[in-house]
């Protein structure tokens, strides 16, 4: 299991006041964590940093926030 103790979580810049958003921890060396902001103790999706960058770049190329 990956140790996320040092993770610094931040909400998506377009998150709503109702809390319907995701949080990302991209300050760790080996992994990027993604979780539901309504369930911070729940499951976390883990991505390699290169996978996460590819995902974000794909969103930008396709005009998504």
PDB file of N, CA and C in Angstrom:
ATOM      1  N   UNK A   1       0.840  -1.185   0.000  1.00  0.00           N
ATOM      2  CA  UNK A   1       0.000   0.000   0.000  1.00  0.00           C
ATOM      3  C   UNK A   1       0.880   1.242   0.000  1.00  0.00           C
ATOM      4  N   UNK A   2       0.488   2.242  -0.744  1.00  0.00           N
ATOM      5  CA  UNK A   2       1.246   3.481  -0.853  1.00  0.00           C
ATOM      6  C   UNK A   2       0.985   4.375   0.350  1.00  0.00           C
ATOM      7  N   UNK A   3       2.051   4.915   0.926  1.00  0.00           N
ATOM      8  CA  UNK A   3       1.943   5.823   2.073  1.00  0.00           C
ATOM      9  C   UNK A   3       1.612   7.227   1.578  1.00  0.00           C
ATOM     10  N   UNK A   4       0.435   7.722   1.916  1.00  0.00           N
ATOM     11  CA  UNK A   4      -0.006   9.057   1.501  1.00  0.00           C
ATOM     12  C   UNK A   4       0.038  10.064   2.649  1.00  0.00           C
ATOM     13  N   UNK A   5       0.800   9.741   3.699  1.00  0.00           N
ATOM     14  CA  UNK A   5       0.866  10.600   4.876  1.00  0.00           C
ATOM     15  C   UNK A   5       1.259  12.031   4.535  1.00  0.00           C
ATOM     16  N   UNK A   6       2.206  12.219   3.625  1.00  0.00           N
ATOM     17  CA  UNK A   6       2.681  13.560   3.275  1.00  0.00           C
ATOM     18  C   UNK A   6       1.901  14.226   2.164  1.00  0.00           C
ATOM     19  N   UNK A   7       0.804  13.616   1.745  1.00  0.00           N
ATOM     20  CA  UNK A   7       0.026  14.175   0.634  1.00  0.00           C
ATOM     21  C   UNK A   7      -0.589  15.512   1.005  1.00  0.00           C
ATOM     22  N   UNK A   8      -0.469  16.461   0.100  1.00  0.00           N
ATOM     23  CA  UNK A   8      -1.129  17.759   0.240  1.00  0.00           C
ATOM     24  C   UNK A   8      -2.252  17.779  -0.786  1.00  0.00           C
ATOM     25  N   UNK A   9      -3.481  17.728  -0.297  1.00  0.00           N
ATOM     26  CA  UNK A   9      -4.653  17.628  -1.162  1.00  0.00           C
ATOM     27  C   UNK A   9      -5.161  19.005  -1.529  1.00  0.00           C
ATOM     28  N   UNK A  10      -5.532  19.169  -2.788  1.00  0.00           N
ATOM     29  CA  UNK A  10      -6.128  20.428  -3.248  1.00  0.00           C
ATOM     30  C   UNK A  10      -7.346  20.100  -4.102  1.00  0.00           C
ATOM     31  N   UNK A  11      -8.349  20.963  -3.989  1.00  0.00           N
ATOM     32  CA  UNK A  11      -9.571  20.765  -4.764  1.00  0.00           C
ATOM     33  C   UNK A  11      -9.388  21.284  -6.174  1.00  0.00           C
ATOM     34  N   UNK A  12     -10.169  20.738  -7.064  1.00  0.00           N
ATOM     35  CA  UNK A  12     -10.169  21.203  -8.442  1.00  0.00           C
ATOM     36  C   UNK A  12     -10.551  22.685  -8.467  1.00  0.00           C
ATOM     37  N   UNK A  13      -9.928  23.434  -9.359  1.00  0.00           N
ATOM     38  CA  UNK A  13     -10.179  24.879  -9.418  1.00  0.00           C
ATOM     39  C   UNK A  13     -11.623  25.208  -9.786  1.00  0.00           C
ATOM     40  N   UNK A  14     -12.312  24.309 -10.428  1.00  0.00           N
ATOM     41  CA  UNK A  14     -13.707  24.544 -10.819  1.00  0.00           C
ATOM     42  C   UNK A  14     -14.696  23.808  -9.919  1.00  0.00           C
ATOM     43  N   UNK A  15     -14.278  23.485  -8.712  1.00  0.00           N
ATOM     44  CA  UNK A  15     -15.174  22.764  -7.812  1.00  0.00           C
ATOM     45  C   UNK A  15     -16.322  23.660  -7.372  1.00  0.00           C
ATOM     46  N   UNK A  16     -17.442  23.037  -7.084  1.00  0.00           N
ATOM     47  CA  UNK A  16     -18.621  23.798  -6.670  1.00  0.00           C
ATOM     48  C   UNK A  16     -18.639  23.966  -5.156  1.00  0.00           C
ATOM     49  N   UNK A  17     -19.458  24.895  -4.689  1.00  0.00           N
ATOM     50  CA  UNK A  17     -19.618  25.113  -3.252  1.00  0.00           C
ATOM     51  C   UNK A  17     -20.321  23.937  -2.579  1.00  0.00           C
ATOM     52  N   UNK A  18     -20.960  23.089  -3.368  1.00  0.00           N
ATOM     53  CA  UNK A  18     -21.678  21.937  -2.827  1.00  0.00           C
ATOM     54  C   UNK A  18     -20.744  20.777  -2.532  1.00  0.00           C
ATOM     55  N   UNK A  19     -19.485  20.909  -2.879  1.00  0.00           N
ATOM     56  CA  UNK A  19     -18.512  19.872  -2.577  1.00  0.00           C
ATOM     57  C   UNK A  19     -18.464  18.740  -3.576  1.00  0.00           C
ATOM     58  N   UNK A  20     -19.076  18.929  -4.721  1.00  0.00           N
ATOM     59  CA  UNK A  20     -19.069  17.889  -5.750  1.00  0.00           C
ATOM     60  C   UNK A  20     -17.803  18.008  -6.595  1.00  0.00           C
ATOM     61  N   UNK A  21     -16.714  17.498  -6.060  1.00  0.00           N
ATOM     62  CA  UNK A  21     -15.461  17.640  -6.789  1.00  0.00           C
ATOM     63  C   UNK A  21     -14.469  16.571  -6.361  1.00  0.00           C
ATOM     64  N   UNK A  22     -13.338  16.609  -6.983  1.00  0.00           N
ATOM     65  CA  UNK A  22     -12.255  15.716  -6.626  1.00  0.00           C
ATOM     66  C   UNK A  22     -11.123  16.528  -6.019  1.00  0.00           C
ATOM     67  N   UNK A  23     -10.268  15.844  -5.291  1.00  0.00           N
ATOM     68  CA  UNK A  23      -9.059  16.445  -4.754  1.00  0.00           C
ATOM     69  C   UNK A  23      -7.869  15.684  -5.320  1.00  0.00           C
ATOM     70  N   UNK A  24      -6.803  16.412  -5.569  1.00  0.00           N
ATOM     71  CA  UNK A  24      -5.598  15.832  -6.148  1.00  0.00           C
ATOM     72  C   UNK A  24      -4.421  16.112  -5.231  1.00  0.00           C
ATOM     73  N   UNK A  25      -3.581  15.118  -5.040  1.00  0.00           N
ATOM     74  CA  UNK A  25      -2.318  15.280  -4.312  1.00  0.00           C
ATOM     75  C   UNK A  25      -1.209  14.971  -5.302  1.00  0.00           C
ATOM     76  N   UNK A  26      -0.554  16.033  -5.779  1.00  0.00           N
ATOM     77  CA  UNK A  26       0.501  15.834  -6.774  1.00  0.00           C
ATOM     78  C   UNK A  26       1.872  16.256  -6.256  1.00  0.00           C
ATOM     79  N   UNK A  27       2.011  16.287  -4.942  1.00  0.00           N
ATOM     80  CA  UNK A  27       3.286  16.684  -4.336  1.00  0.00           C
ATOM     81  C   UNK A  27       4.183  15.491  -3.983  1.00  0.00           C
ATOM     82  N   UNK A  28       3.721  14.299  -4.247  1.00  0.00           N
ATOM     83  CA  UNK A  28       4.505  13.107  -3.911  1.00  0.00           C
ATOM     84  C   UNK A  28       5.386  12.699  -5.090  1.00  0.00           C
ATOM     85  N   UNK A  29       6.512  12.106  -4.812  1.00  0.00           N
ATOM     86  CA  UNK A  29       7.504  11.804  -5.851  1.00  0.00           C
ATOM     87  C   UNK A  29       7.068  10.708  -6.816  1.00  0.00           C
ATOM     88  N   UNK A  30       6.449   9.669  -6.333  1.00  0.00           N
ATOM     89  CA  UNK A  30       6.192   8.493  -7.163  1.00  0.00           C
ATOM     90  C   UNK A  30       4.757   8.333  -7.647  1.00  0.00           C
ATOM     91  N   UNK A  31       3.825   9.093  -7.076  1.00  0.00           N
ATOM     92  CA  UNK A  31       2.415   8.870  -7.405  1.00  0.00           C
ATOM     93  C   UNK A  31       1.628  10.168  -7.274  1.00  0.00           C
ATOM     94  N   UNK A  32       0.526  10.225  -8.005  1.00  0.00           N
ATOM     95  CA  UNK A  32      -0.458  11.297  -7.885  1.00  0.00           C
ATOM     96  C   UNK A  32      -1.735  10.639  -7.382  1.00  0.00           C
ATOM     97  N   UNK A  33      -2.279  11.179  -6.290  1.00  0.00           N
ATOM     98  CA  UNK A  33      -3.506  10.637  -5.720  1.00  0.00           C
ATOM     99  C   UNK A  33      -4.710  11.476  -6.107  1.00  0.00           C
ATOM    100  N   UNK A  34      -5.840  10.814  -6.322  1.00  0.00           N
ATOM    101  CA  UNK A  34      -7.099  11.486  -6.648  1.00  0.00           C
ATOM    102  C   UNK A  34      -8.174  10.864  -5.771  1.00  0.00           C
ATOM    103  N   UNK A  35      -8.949  11.723  -5.108  1.00  0.00           N
ATOM    104  CA  UNK A  35     -10.011  11.221  -4.222  1.00  0.00           C
ATOM    105  C   UNK A  35     -11.249  12.101  -4.307  1.00  0.00           C
ATOM    106  N   UNK A  36     -12.341  11.587  -3.808  1.00  0.00           N
ATOM    107  CA  UNK A  36     -13.617  12.303  -3.733  1.00  0.00           C
ATOM    108  C   UNK A  36     -13.565  13.235  -2.526  1.00  0.00           C
ATOM    109  N   UNK A  37     -13.838  14.507  -2.733  1.00  0.00           N
ATOM    110  CA  UNK A  37     -13.754  15.468  -1.630  1.00  0.00           C
ATOM    111  C   UNK A  37     -14.806  15.228  -0.556  1.00  0.00           C
ATOM    112  N   UNK A  38     -15.885  14.524  -0.898  1.00  0.00           N
ATOM    113  CA  UNK A  38     -16.930  14.228   0.087  1.00  0.00           C
ATOM    114  C   UNK A  38     -16.593  13.023   0.953  1.00  0.00           C
ATOM    115  N   UNK A  39     -15.571  12.263   0.555  1.00  0.00           N
ATOM    116  CA  UNK A  39     -15.211  11.040   1.271  1.00  0.00           C
ATOM    117  C   UNK A  39     -13.688  10.955   1.400  1.00  0.00           C
ATOM    118  N   UNK A  40     -13.126  11.855   2.191  1.00  0.00           N
ATOM    119  CA  UNK A  40     -11.664  11.951   2.286  1.00  0.00           C
ATOM    120  C   UNK A  40     -11.029  10.707   2.902  1.00  0.00           C
ATOM    121  N   UNK A  41     -11.792   9.911   3.614  1.00  0.00           N
ATOM    122  CA  UNK A  41     -11.257   8.677   4.188  1.00  0.00           C
ATOM    123  C   UNK A  41     -11.502   7.485   3.267  1.00  0.00           C
ATOM    124  N   UNK A  42     -12.146   7.751   2.145  1.00  0.00           N
ATOM    125  CA  UNK A  42     -12.480   6.681   1.209  1.00  0.00           C
ATOM    126  C   UNK A  42     -11.325   6.315   0.305  1.00  0.00           C
ATOM    127  N   UNK A  43     -11.634   5.584  -0.756  1.00  0.00           N
ATOM    128  CA  UNK A  43     -10.583   5.109  -1.654  1.00  0.00           C
ATOM    129  C   UNK A  43      -9.888   6.244  -2.404  1.00  0.00           C
ATOM    130  N   UNK A  44      -8.651   5.980  -2.784  1.00  0.00           N
ATOM    131  CA  UNK A  44      -7.836   6.931  -3.535  1.00  0.00           C
ATOM    132  C   UNK A  44      -7.370   6.242  -4.809  1.00  0.00           C
ATOM    133  N   UNK A  45      -7.553   6.914  -5.932  1.00  0.00           N
ATOM    134  CA  UNK A  45      -6.999   6.418  -7.186  1.00  0.00           C
ATOM    135  C   UNK A  45      -5.552   6.887  -7.266  1.00  0.00           C
ATOM    136  N   UNK A  46      -4.647   6.016  -7.688  1.00  0.00           N
ATOM    137  CA  UNK A  46      -3.238   6.362  -7.778  1.00  0.00           C
ATOM    138  C   UNK A  46      -2.774   6.281  -9.227  1.00  0.00           C
ATOM    139  N   UNK A  47      -2.027   7.283  -9.651  1.00  0.00           N
ATOM    140  CA  UNK A  47      -1.500   7.357 -11.005  1.00  0.00           C
ATOM    141  C   UNK A  47      -0.011   7.657 -10.955  1.00  0.00           C
ATOM    142  N   UNK A  48       0.715   7.145 -11.921  1.00  0.00           N
ATOM    143  CA  UNK A  48       2.107   7.556 -12.085  1.00  0.00           C
ATOM    144  C   UNK A  48       2.078   9.020 -12.538  1.00  0.00           C
ATOM    145  N   UNK A  49       3.046   9.825 -12.126  1.00  0.00           N
ATOM    146  CA  UNK A  49       3.049  11.237 -12.538  1.00  0.00           C
ATOM    147  C   UNK A  49       2.955  11.428 -14.054  1.00  0.00           C
ATOM    148  N   UNK A  50       3.599  10.567 -14.828  1.00  0.00           N
ATOM    149  CA  UNK A  50       3.524  10.697 -16.288  1.00  0.00           C
ATOM    150  C   UNK A  50       2.107  10.423 -16.799  1.00  0.00           C
ATOM    151  N   UNK A  51       1.422   9.463 -16.188  1.00  0.00           N
ATOM    152  CA  UNK A  51       0.036   9.179 -16.569  1.00  0.00           C
ATOM    153  C   UNK A  51      -0.860  10.368 -16.259  1.00  0.00           C
ATOM    154  N   UNK A  52      -0.673  10.974 -15.092  1.00  0.00           N
ATOM    155  CA  UNK A  52      -1.496  12.110 -14.683  1.00  0.00           C
ATOM    156  C   UNK A  52      -1.275  13.293 -15.626  1.00  0.00           C
ATOM    157  N   UNK A  53      -0.006  13.584 -15.952  1.00  0.00           N
ATOM    158  CA  UNK A  53       0.276  14.691 -16.874  1.00  0.00           C
ATOM    159  C   UNK A  53      -0.370  14.442 -18.234  1.00  0.00           C
ATOM    160  N   UNK A  54      -0.314  13.219 -18.710  1.00  0.00           N
ATOM    161  CA  UNK A  54      -0.937  12.877 -19.985  1.00  0.00           C
ATOM    162  C   UNK A  54      -2.446  13.089 -19.934  1.00  0.00           C
ATOM    163  N   UNK A  55      -3.065  12.686 -18.846  1.00  0.00           N
ATOM    164  CA  UNK A  55      -4.504  12.870 -18.664  1.00  0.00           C
ATOM    165  C   UNK A  55      -4.868  14.359 -18.689  1.00  0.00           C
ATOM    166  N   UNK A  56      -4.148  15.167 -17.931  1.00  0.00           N
ATOM    167  CA  UNK A  56      -4.434  16.607 -17.854  1.00  0.00           C
ATOM    168  C   UNK A  56      -4.196  17.273 -19.217  1.00  0.00           C
ATOM    169  N   UNK A  57      -3.121  16.918 -19.891  1.00  0.00           N
ATOM    170  CA  UNK A  57      -2.836  17.487 -21.214  1.00  0.00           C
ATOM    171  C   UNK A  57      -3.923  17.100 -22.224  1.00  0.00           C
ATOM    172  N   UNK A  58      -4.424  15.879 -22.150  1.00  0.00           N
ATOM    173  CA  UNK A  58      -5.498  15.444 -23.035  1.00  0.00           C
ATOM    174  C   UNK A  58      -6.751  16.266 -22.801  1.00  0.00           C
ATOM    175  N   UNK A  59      -7.063  16.563 -21.558  1.00  0.00           N
ATOM    176  CA  UNK A  59      -8.216  17.412 -21.257  1.00  0.00           C
ATOM    177  C   UNK A  59      -8.034  18.794 -21.870  1.00  0.00           C
ATOM    178  N   UNK A  60      -6.849  19.356 -21.722  1.00  0.00           N
ATOM    179  CA  UNK A  60      -6.580  20.696 -22.266  1.00  0.00           C
ATOM    180  C   UNK A  60      -6.702  20.719 -23.785  1.00  0.00           C
ATOM    181  N   UNK A  61      -6.151  19.724 -24.452  1.00  0.00           N
ATOM    182  CA  UNK A  61      -6.182  19.645 -25.915  1.00  0.00           C
ATOM    183  C   UNK A  61      -7.615  19.564 -26.416  1.00  0.00           C
ATOM    184  N   UNK A  62      -8.464  18.885 -25.641  1.00  0.00           N
ATOM    185  CA  UNK A  62      -9.856  18.711 -26.035  1.00  0.00           C
ATOM    186  C   UNK A  62     -10.766  19.815 -25.521  1.00  0.00           C
ATOM    187  N   UNK A  63     -10.177  20.882 -24.982  1.00  0.00           N
ATOM    188  CA  UNK A  63     -10.957  22.037 -24.557  1.00  0.00           C
ATOM    189  C   UNK A  63     -11.728  21.859 -23.279  1.00  0.00           C
ATOM    190  N   UNK A  64     -11.346  20.899 -22.464  1.00  0.00           N
ATOM    191  CA  UNK A  64     -12.023  20.687 -21.185  1.00  0.00           C
ATOM    192  C   UNK A  64     -11.220  21.358 -20.087  1.00  0.00           C
ATOM    193  N   UNK A  65     -11.893  21.817 -19.041  1.00  0.00           N
ATOM    194  CA  UNK A  65     -11.182  22.546 -17.971  1.00  0.00           C
ATOM    195  C   UNK A  65     -10.194  21.696 -17.224  1.00  0.00           C
TER     196      UNK A  65
END
